[in-house]
Amino acid sequence: MARVTVEDCLEHIENRFALVMLATERARELRRRSSRIFPSSNKEAVHALREIAAGFVLFDERSKEKLSQSLGLAEMEAEDRLGG
């Protein structure tokens, strides 16, 4: 199987930070014995990236909210609306 690249993943994810967050979460799920979407002998981190590059793993709304909170975007948007 060909190597998975960051560019392959960024076709489905909006930025590198979001990619790291999503891949980390998926790799943790795989480590906890979550079922793999397709079979492979790769380690969890590589397999997570392969699933993302194939378009099988995407952000849901809960994940987007968690990402916004970790980046502090919700607070910045509120300040902008208030003119702060």
Protein backbone atom coordinates (compact mmCIF):
# COMPACT_ATOMS: atom_id res chain seq x y z
CA MET A 1 0.00 0.00 0.00
CA ALA A 2 1.31 3.45 -0.87
CA ARG A 3 2.34 5.89 1.82
CA VAL A 4 -0.28 8.16 3.29
CA THR A 5 0.63 11.87 3.22
CA VAL A 6 -0.60 14.91 5.07
CA GLU A 7 -1.72 16.34 1.73
CA ASP A 8 -3.94 13.28 1.18
CA CYS A 9 -5.61 13.94 4.52
CA LEU A 10 -5.94 17.70 4.01
CA GLU A 11 -8.24 17.05 1.06
CA HIS A 12 -10.85 16.05 3.67
CA ILE A 13 -9.85 18.12 6.73
CA GLU A 14 -9.70 21.91 6.82
CA ASN A 15 -6.26 22.44 8.44
CA ARG A 16 -3.25 20.66 9.93
CA PHE A 17 -4.21 21.29 13.55
CA ALA A 18 -7.65 19.81 12.97
CA LEU A 19 -6.00 16.85 11.25
CA VAL A 20 -3.77 16.21 14.27
CA MET A 21 -6.74 16.40 16.64
CA LEU A 22 -8.86 14.05 14.53
CA ALA A 23 -6.06 11.55 13.89
CA THR A 24 -5.16 11.48 17.58
CA GLU A 25 -8.73 10.78 18.60
CA ARG A 26 -9.16 8.06 15.99
CA ALA A 27 -5.83 6.43 16.91
CA ARG A 28 -6.93 6.35 20.57
CA GLU A 29 -10.19 4.71 19.55
CA LEU A 30 -8.28 2.08 17.58
CA ARG A 31 -5.96 1.47 20.52
CA ARG A 32 -9.03 0.85 22.70
CA ARG A 33 -9.95 -1.92 20.22
CA SER A 34 -12.47 -0.01 18.15
CA SER A 35 -13.10 -1.83 14.90
CA ARG A 36 -11.08 -0.77 11.88
CA ILE A 37 -13.01 0.45 8.86
CA PHE A 38 -10.81 -1.63 6.57
CA PRO A 39 -8.19 -4.26 7.43
CA SER A 40 -4.50 -3.39 7.69
CA SER A 41 -1.46 -4.37 9.70
CA ASN A 42 -0.45 -0.75 10.31
CA LYS A 43 -0.11 0.72 13.76
CA GLU A 44 -3.00 2.77 15.07
CA ALA A 45 -1.64 6.23 14.13
CA VAL A 46 -0.91 5.27 10.52
CA HIS A 47 -4.20 3.44 10.18
CA ALA A 48 -6.08 6.50 11.50
CA LEU A 49 -4.40 8.68 8.86
CA ARG A 50 -5.28 6.15 6.15
CA GLU A 51 -8.95 6.23 7.21
CA ILE A 52 -8.93 10.05 7.14
CA ALA A 53 -7.21 10.17 3.73
CA ALA A 54 -9.81 7.73 2.38
CA GLY A 55 -12.60 10.02 3.60
CA PHE A 56 -14.04 7.55 6.11
CA VAL A 57 -13.32 9.62 9.24
CA LEU A 58 -14.60 13.20 9.42
CA PHE A 59 -15.37 15.77 12.10
CA ASP A 60 -18.82 15.66 13.64
CA GLU A 61 -20.34 18.70 15.36
CA ARG A 62 -19.15 17.57 18.82
CA SER A 63 -15.59 17.32 17.54
CA LYS A 64 -15.79 20.75 15.90
CA GLU A 65 -16.99 22.28 19.18
CA LYS A 66 -14.16 20.60 21.09
CA LEU A 67 -11.64 21.92 18.56
CA SER A 68 -13.06 25.46 18.81
CA GLN A 69 -12.86 25.33 22.60
CA SER A 70 -9.28 24.10 22.58
CA LEU A 71 -8.31 26.91 20.21
CA GLY A 72 -10.29 29.51 22.16
CA LEU A 73 -12.28 30.42 19.05
CA ALA A 74 -15.64 30.60 20.82
CA GLU A 75 -14.35 33.28 23.19
CA MET A 76 -12.74 35.26 20.37
CA GLU A 77 -15.93 35.20 18.28
CA ALA A 78 -17.98 36.38 21.26
CA GLU A 79 -15.55 39.24 21.86
CA ASP A 80 -15.72 40.25 18.21
CA ARG A 81 -19.52 40.35 18.30
CA LEU A 82 -19.43 42.51 21.43
CA GLY A 83 -16.87 44.84 19.92
CA GLY A 84 -14.16 43.84 22.43
